[in-house]
């Protein structure tokens, strides 16, 4: 158990869900404001997240930066960059889909971070719009990948080859077919999720949604049953963007683009369409979208998680007095 290296004063409640409460807190010494998320349960996932954040923290311009962490007898605290713009999912629900150039800038941002994450031998495993945080409320906000609770580190077998990860976990509509098929998986699952995210940014829904039931959606993913319909939704989307999505959603993970190849694709080279009108969503579409994804993310994650994560035994061995606050303001997450 370690003690906090800073003093934090808790303020008003900003939001709450089934498993979490978000409160406003202030660093007493600096006066910096931040968020504090109080989460019940899922301790292994939070410990795993800290371990993953330690390895990738601040690796790129927009990469999440772990600022502080400590444990008390009841809680675990993680402090990292403050994001005031909400997440990409809520942004699409509120403002509508992205115009293509702006979507390309966001995706390029993600690809850069995914390249770095993969270079560290880590698979995020739960990329989705809800886990993409906007640093500021403005339309040109950089995006930060968050929620590394399901991230896994790739190992090596006796022959020095990368060992495939196992287990069924993630968010169903963003999970790659090899996860559903239980054939083992590695980095390409993040590229599959990137393709689903890109599709969502452009038309406001995911490619494998089916009206029948969850099993029909699973079958569509396993078959790679991808289409760009209805046509009116795709008239303003270029063939370049559609090709990018197809190459991310290639059924065979060995034929899928790598994160580096994604950055070289023509879609990711499109300029930002500054000042372009966003494509509005109808109230019916927003209602359907919000209803479909209304499950609390932590509850969904708990149901989907089928792995036992073993946190590092040295996770809290560092003296908090020697741990430097890197980039205030920051978010503080607590676990009871």
Protein backbone atom coordinates (compact mmCIF):
# COMPACT_ATOMS: atom_id res chain seq x y z
CA UNK A 1 0.00 0.00 0.00
CA UNK A 2 1.29 3.49 -0.86
CA UNK A 3 0.21 7.00 0.03
CA UNK A 4 -0.76 9.80 -2.37
CA UNK A 5 2.08 12.12 -3.34
CA UNK A 6 -0.38 15.03 -3.56
CA UNK A 7 -3.39 16.26 -1.58
CA UNK A 8 -6.73 16.14 -3.41
CA UNK A 9 -9.96 17.87 -2.44
CA UNK A 10 -13.17 16.29 -3.72
CA UNK A 11 -15.88 18.53 -5.15
CA UNK A 12 -19.23 18.07 -6.87
CA UNK A 13 -20.42 14.90 -8.57
CA UNK A 14 -20.22 15.18 -12.36
CA UNK A 15 -21.87 11.90 -13.31
CA UNK A 16 -22.59 8.38 -12.18
CA UNK A 17 -23.34 4.92 -13.52
CA UNK A 18 -23.97 1.41 -12.27
CA UNK A 19 -20.36 0.87 -11.29
CA UNK A 20 -18.83 4.32 -11.11
CA UNK A 21 -19.19 7.87 -9.87
CA UNK A 22 -17.27 10.77 -11.42
CA UNK A 23 -16.47 13.72 -9.17
CA UNK A 24 -14.67 17.00 -9.57
CA UNK A 25 -11.46 17.19 -7.54
CA UNK A 26 -8.77 19.81 -7.06
CA UNK A 27 -5.06 19.44 -6.40
CA UNK A 28 -4.78 21.41 -3.15
CA UNK A 29 -1.20 22.52 -3.84
CA UNK A 30 -1.57 23.69 -7.43
CA UNK A 31 -5.30 24.44 -7.63
CA UNK A 32 -5.58 22.32 -10.77
CA UNK A 33 -9.03 20.88 -11.40
CA UNK A 34 -9.50 17.28 -12.51
CA UNK A 35 -12.02 14.44 -12.54
CA UNK A 36 -12.13 11.62 -10.02
CA UNK A 37 -13.89 8.43 -11.03
CA UNK A 38 -14.86 6.16 -8.16
CA UNK A 39 -15.31 2.58 -9.36
CA UNK A 40 -16.62 -0.43 -7.44
CA UNK A 41 -15.15 -3.83 -8.29
CA UNK A 42 -12.98 -4.87 -11.27
CA UNK A 43 -9.78 -4.50 -9.25
CA UNK A 44 -7.70 -6.80 -11.48
CA UNK A 45 -8.62 -4.73 -14.53
CA UNK A 46 -7.56 -1.48 -12.86
CA UNK A 47 -4.26 -2.99 -11.72
CA UNK A 48 -3.68 -4.25 -15.25
CA UNK A 49 -4.49 -0.81 -16.63
CA UNK A 50 -1.86 0.82 -14.41
CA UNK A 51 0.73 -1.69 -15.57
CA UNK A 52 -0.09 -1.04 -19.23
CA UNK A 53 -0.11 2.75 -18.75
CA UNK A 54 3.32 2.65 -17.16
CA UNK A 55 4.68 1.07 -20.34
CA UNK A 56 3.12 3.39 -22.92
CA UNK A 57 2.68 6.64 -20.96
CA UNK A 58 3.50 9.75 -22.98
CA UNK A 59 4.91 7.77 -25.90
CA UNK A 60 3.33 9.99 -28.58
CA UNK A 61 1.98 13.53 -28.77
CA UNK A 62 -1.56 12.47 -27.85
CA UNK A 63 -0.78 9.35 -25.82
CA UNK A 64 -2.29 9.18 -22.36
CA UNK A 65 0.23 10.19 -19.68
CA UNK A 66 0.16 8.47 -16.32
CA UNK A 67 0.77 11.22 -13.77
CA UNK A 68 0.35 9.50 -10.42
CA UNK A 69 -0.99 6.31 -8.89
CA UNK A 70 -1.30 5.02 -5.36
CA UNK A 71 -3.22 2.55 -3.27
CA UNK A 72 -4.93 2.85 0.10
CA UNK A 73 -6.59 0.14 2.18
CA UNK A 74 -9.85 0.65 0.26
CA UNK A 75 -9.01 2.36 -3.00
CA UNK A 76 -6.72 2.49 -6.01
CA UNK A 77 -6.10 5.89 -7.60
CA UNK A 78 -4.90 6.63 -11.14
CA UNK A 79 -4.14 10.19 -12.17
CA UNK A 80 -3.76 11.10 -15.83
CA UNK A 81 -4.48 13.84 -18.36
CA UNK A 82 -7.77 15.67 -18.04
CA UNK A 83 -10.08 15.39 -21.06
CA UNK A 84 -12.95 17.88 -21.06
CA UNK A 85 -14.55 17.03 -24.41
CA UNK A 86 -16.23 13.76 -23.48
CA UNK A 87 -15.81 10.75 -25.75
CA UNK A 88 -16.18 10.21 -29.48
CA UNK A 89 -19.36 8.16 -29.14
CA UNK A 90 -21.23 10.93 -27.35
CA UNK A 91 -19.79 13.48 -29.74
CA UNK A 92 -21.32 11.62 -32.72
CA UNK A 93 -24.65 11.25 -30.90
CA UNK A 94 -24.72 14.97 -30.12
CA UNK A 95 -23.23 16.57 -33.24
CA UNK A 96 -23.58 13.97 -35.97
CA UNK A 97 -21.14 12.01 -38.08
CA UNK A 98 -17.70 13.26 -39.08
CA UNK A 99 -17.00 14.67 -42.53
CA UNK A 100 -14.43 12.51 -44.26
CA UNK A 101 -11.39 14.76 -43.91
CA UNK A 102 -11.96 15.25 -40.19
CA UNK A 103 -12.53 11.51 -39.72
CA UNK A 104 -9.22 10.87 -41.50
CA UNK A 105 -7.38 13.21 -39.11
CA UNK A 106 -8.89 11.44 -36.09
CA UNK A 107 -8.07 8.01 -37.51
CA UNK A 108 -4.50 9.10 -38.29
CA UNK A 109 -4.19 10.21 -34.65
CA UNK A 110 -5.38 6.76 -33.55
CA UNK A 111 -3.07 4.94 -35.96
CA UNK A 112 -0.05 6.82 -34.64
CA UNK A 113 -0.90 5.79 -31.09
CA UNK A 114 -1.69 2.20 -32.09
CA UNK A 115 1.70 1.93 -33.82
CA UNK A 116 3.37 2.93 -30.55
CA UNK A 117 1.21 0.64 -28.40
CA UNK A 118 1.94 -2.31 -30.69
CA UNK A 119 5.67 -1.48 -30.70
CA UNK A 120 5.59 -2.13 -26.95
CA UNK A 121 4.13 -5.58 -27.55
CA UNK A 122 0.72 -4.56 -26.21
CA UNK A 123 -2.72 -5.23 -27.67
CA UNK A 124 -5.40 -2.80 -26.46
CA UNK A 125 -8.26 -5.24 -27.07
CA UNK A 126 -11.16 -2.86 -26.46
CA UNK A 127 -10.90 0.00 -28.94
CA UNK A 128 -14.27 1.68 -29.49
CA UNK A 129 -15.64 5.26 -29.63
CA UNK A 130 -16.52 5.22 -25.93
CA UNK A 131 -12.83 4.66 -25.12
CA UNK A 132 -11.62 7.54 -27.28
CA UNK A 133 -11.52 10.70 -25.18
CA UNK A 134 -11.57 14.24 -26.58
CA UNK A 135 -9.08 16.47 -24.82
CA UNK A 136 -11.15 19.63 -25.39
CA UNK A 137 -14.80 20.29 -26.40
CA UNK A 138 -13.88 21.97 -29.71
CA UNK A 139 -14.32 20.14 -33.02
CA UNK A 140 -10.57 20.01 -33.68
CA UNK A 141 -9.84 18.24 -30.41
CA UNK A 142 -7.05 15.64 -30.33
CA UNK A 143 -8.20 12.16 -29.32
CA UNK A 144 -6.69 10.09 -26.54
CA UNK A 145 -7.02 6.30 -26.30
CA UNK A 146 -8.18 5.34 -22.83
CA UNK A 147 -9.29 2.29 -20.84
CA UNK A 148 -6.45 -0.22 -20.94
CA UNK A 149 -8.18 -2.56 -18.48
CA UNK A 150 -8.43 -5.34 -21.07
CA UNK A 151 -5.04 -4.67 -22.70
CA UNK A 152 -2.69 -7.64 -22.89
CA UNK A 153 1.04 -8.00 -23.41
CA UNK A 154 2.17 -10.40 -26.12
CA UNK A 155 4.61 -13.10 -25.08
CA UNK A 156 6.98 -15.44 -26.92
CA UNK A 157 6.82 -19.22 -27.24
CA UNK A 158 9.80 -21.57 -26.95
CA UNK A 159 10.71 -20.93 -30.59
CA UNK A 160 10.78 -17.18 -30.11
CA UNK A 161 7.54 -16.64 -32.02
CA UNK A 162 4.78 -14.39 -30.74
CA UNK A 163 2.31 -16.33 -28.62
CA UNK A 164 -1.33 -15.80 -29.51
CA UNK A 165 -3.63 -14.40 -26.85
CA UNK A 166 -6.72 -16.34 -25.85
CA UNK A 167 -10.07 -15.62 -24.23
CA UNK A 168 -13.27 -13.91 -25.34
CA UNK A 169 -13.37 -10.31 -24.17
CA UNK A 170 -14.04 -6.85 -25.53
CA UNK A 171 -17.11 -5.05 -26.85
CA UNK A 172 -19.13 -7.39 -29.11
CA UNK A 173 -19.65 -5.16 -32.17
CA UNK A 174 -15.95 -4.20 -32.22
CA UNK A 175 -14.51 -7.68 -31.61
CA UNK A 176 -12.59 -9.34 -34.44
CA UNK A 177 -13.73 -12.72 -35.84
CA UNK A 178 -10.65 -14.50 -34.47
CA UNK A 179 -11.75 -13.55 -30.94
CA UNK A 180 -15.22 -14.99 -31.53
CA UNK A 181 -13.71 -18.02 -33.26
CA UNK A 182 -11.40 -18.67 -30.29
CA UNK A 183 -8.47 -19.34 -32.62
CA UNK A 184 -6.10 -17.03 -30.76
CA UNK A 185 -5.36 -13.41 -31.59
CA UNK A 186 -2.83 -10.60 -31.44
CA UNK A 187 -2.33 -7.06 -32.82
CA UNK A 188 -4.69 -7.35 -35.85
CA UNK A 189 -7.72 -7.27 -33.53
CA UNK A 190 -6.99 -3.59 -32.87
CA UNK A 191 -6.96 -2.91 -36.63
CA UNK A 192 -10.33 -4.64 -36.99
CA UNK A 193 -11.72 -2.39 -34.26
CA UNK A 194 -10.18 0.62 -36.03
CA UNK A 195 -12.12 -0.31 -39.18
CA UNK A 196 -15.37 -0.53 -37.23
CA UNK A 197 -14.64 2.84 -35.59
CA UNK A 198 -13.95 4.46 -38.97
CA UNK A 199 -17.24 3.12 -40.34
CA UNK A 200 -19.01 4.50 -37.25
CA UNK A 201 -17.42 7.95 -37.60
CA UNK A 202 -18.67 8.28 -41.18
CA UNK A 203 -22.25 6.97 -40.91
CA UNK A 204 -23.07 6.79 -37.19
CA UNK A 205 -23.47 3.02 -36.85
CA UNK A 206 -21.28 -0.07 -36.88
CA UNK A 207 -21.05 -2.38 -39.92
CA UNK A 208 -22.24 -5.60 -38.32
CA UNK A 209 -25.36 -4.39 -36.53
CA UNK A 210 -28.31 -6.63 -37.33
CA UNK A 211 -31.94 -6.10 -36.36
CA UNK A 212 -32.60 -9.77 -35.58
CA UNK A 213 -30.45 -10.65 -32.57
CA UNK A 214 -26.93 -10.79 -31.16
CA UNK A 215 -26.26 -14.18 -32.74
CA UNK A 216 -26.92 -12.78 -36.21
CA UNK A 217 -24.40 -10.02 -35.48
CA UNK A 218 -21.85 -12.59 -34.36
CA UNK A 219 -22.41 -14.62 -37.54
CA UNK A 220 -21.98 -11.47 -39.65
CA UNK A 221 -18.63 -10.77 -37.97
CA UNK A 222 -17.44 -14.37 -38.35
CA UNK A 223 -18.30 -14.25 -42.07
CA UNK A 224 -16.95 -10.74 -42.57
CA UNK A 225 -20.34 -9.80 -43.99
CA UNK A 226 -19.46 -6.17 -44.72
CA UNK A 227 -21.59 -3.87 -46.85
CA UNK A 228 -21.87 -0.14 -47.42
CA UNK A 229 -25.64 0.30 -47.33
CA UNK A 230 -27.98 2.05 -47.58
CA UNK A 231 -26.37 3.78 -50.53
CA UNK A 232 -27.62 7.25 -49.58
CA UNK A 233 -25.49 7.12 -46.42
CA UNK A 234 -22.34 6.49 -48.46
CA UNK A 235 -22.81 8.88 -51.39
CA UNK A 236 -20.59 11.51 -49.78
CA UNK A 237 -17.96 8.97 -48.65
CA UNK A 238 -15.10 8.31 -51.07
CA UNK A 239 -13.97 4.94 -52.39
CA UNK A 240 -10.67 5.67 -50.65
CA UNK A 241 -12.37 5.70 -47.25
CA UNK A 242 -14.36 2.57 -48.08
CA UNK A 243 -11.18 0.79 -49.19
CA UNK A 244 -9.51 1.73 -45.90
CA UNK A 245 -12.41 0.19 -43.99
CA UNK A 246 -12.38 -2.98 -46.12
CA UNK A 247 -8.66 -3.48 -45.57
CA UNK A 248 -9.07 -3.07 -41.81
CA UNK A 249 -12.01 -5.50 -41.81
CA UNK A 250 -10.29 -8.24 -43.80
CA UNK A 251 -11.43 -11.58 -42.42
CA UNK A 252 -7.96 -13.15 -42.37
CA UNK A 253 -5.92 -11.32 -39.69
CA UNK A 254 -2.69 -12.06 -41.56
CA UNK A 255 -4.00 -10.12 -44.57
CA UNK A 256 -5.27 -7.18 -42.54
CA UNK A 257 -3.30 -3.93 -42.66
CA UNK A 258 -0.84 -3.26 -39.88
CA UNK A 259 -1.01 0.04 -37.99
CA UNK A 260 2.00 1.25 -39.98
CA UNK A 261 0.28 0.36 -43.27
CA UNK A 262 -2.85 2.20 -42.11
CA UNK A 263 -0.78 5.38 -41.79
CA UNK A 264 0.41 4.97 -45.38
CA UNK A 265 -3.08 4.48 -46.80
CA UNK A 266 -4.46 7.32 -48.93
CA UNK A 267 -7.37 7.79 -46.52
CA UNK A 268 -5.05 8.72 -43.66
CA UNK A 269 -3.31 11.24 -45.91
CA UNK A 270 -6.49 13.25 -46.53
CA UNK A 271 -6.32 16.86 -45.28
CA UNK A 272 -8.56 18.07 -42.49
CA UNK A 273 -11.77 19.65 -43.81
CA UNK A 274 -11.67 22.69 -41.57
CA UNK A 275 -15.00 24.49 -41.38
CA UNK A 276 -16.91 21.76 -43.20
CA UNK A 277 -20.46 21.06 -42.21
CA UNK A 278 -20.99 17.97 -40.11
CA UNK A 279 -23.52 15.42 -41.31
CA UNK A 280 -26.45 15.70 -38.90
CA UNK A 281 -28.16 12.64 -37.48
CA UNK A 282 -31.91 12.41 -37.18
CA UNK A 283 -33.46 12.26 -33.72
CA UNK A 284 -34.60 8.71 -34.48
CA UNK A 285 -31.05 7.66 -35.37
CA UNK A 286 -29.67 9.23 -32.21
CA UNK A 287 -32.32 7.53 -30.07
CA UNK A 288 -31.58 4.16 -31.66
CA UNK A 289 -27.84 4.66 -31.28
CA UNK A 290 -28.07 5.78 -27.66
CA UNK A 291 -30.42 2.94 -26.75
CA UNK A 292 -28.23 0.36 -28.43
CA UNK A 293 -25.12 1.41 -26.52
CA UNK A 294 -26.78 2.42 -23.25
CA UNK A 295 -25.15 -0.40 -21.27
CA UNK A 296 -22.70 0.90 -18.68
CA UNK A 297 -19.20 0.35 -20.13
CA UNK A 298 -17.88 -1.26 -16.95
CA UNK A 299 -20.87 -3.59 -16.73
CA UNK A 300 -20.42 -4.56 -20.38
CA UNK A 301 -16.72 -5.11 -19.83
CA UNK A 302 -17.30 -7.26 -16.77
CA UNK A 303 -19.72 -9.49 -18.69
CA UNK A 304 -17.40 -9.77 -21.69
CA UNK A 305 -14.18 -10.37 -19.77
CA UNK A 306 -13.13 -14.02 -19.66
CA UNK A 307 -9.51 -13.68 -18.63
CA UNK A 308 -7.64 -13.63 -15.36
CA UNK A 309 -5.17 -10.75 -15.30
CA UNK A 310 -2.19 -11.08 -12.98
CA UNK A 311 -0.89 -7.63 -12.00
CA UNK A 312 2.82 -7.12 -11.50
CA UNK A 313 3.90 -7.90 -7.91
CA UNK A 314 6.03 -4.74 -8.04
CA UNK A 315 3.16 -2.51 -9.13
CA UNK A 316 3.19 -0.41 -5.96
CA UNK A 317 6.79 -0.95 -4.90
CA UNK A 318 7.90 2.55 -5.90
CA UNK A 319 8.01 5.22 -3.24
CA UNK A 320 5.35 7.86 -4.00
CA UNK A 321 7.82 10.55 -2.93
CA UNK A 322 9.97 9.59 -5.92
CA UNK A 323 7.12 9.58 -8.42
CA UNK A 324 6.86 12.80 -10.40
CA UNK A 325 3.58 14.39 -11.47
CA UNK A 326 4.05 14.70 -15.22
CA UNK A 327 1.25 16.55 -16.94
CA UNK A 328 -1.34 18.32 -14.80
CA UNK A 329 -4.25 18.83 -15.02
CA UNK A 330 -5.21 15.20 -14.85
CA UNK A 331 -8.02 12.75 -14.17
CA UNK A 332 -8.07 10.74 -10.98
CA UNK A 333 -9.76 7.34 -10.95
CA UNK A 334 -10.43 5.53 -7.70
CA UNK A 335 -11.43 1.96 -7.04
CA UNK A 336 -13.11 0.86 -3.83
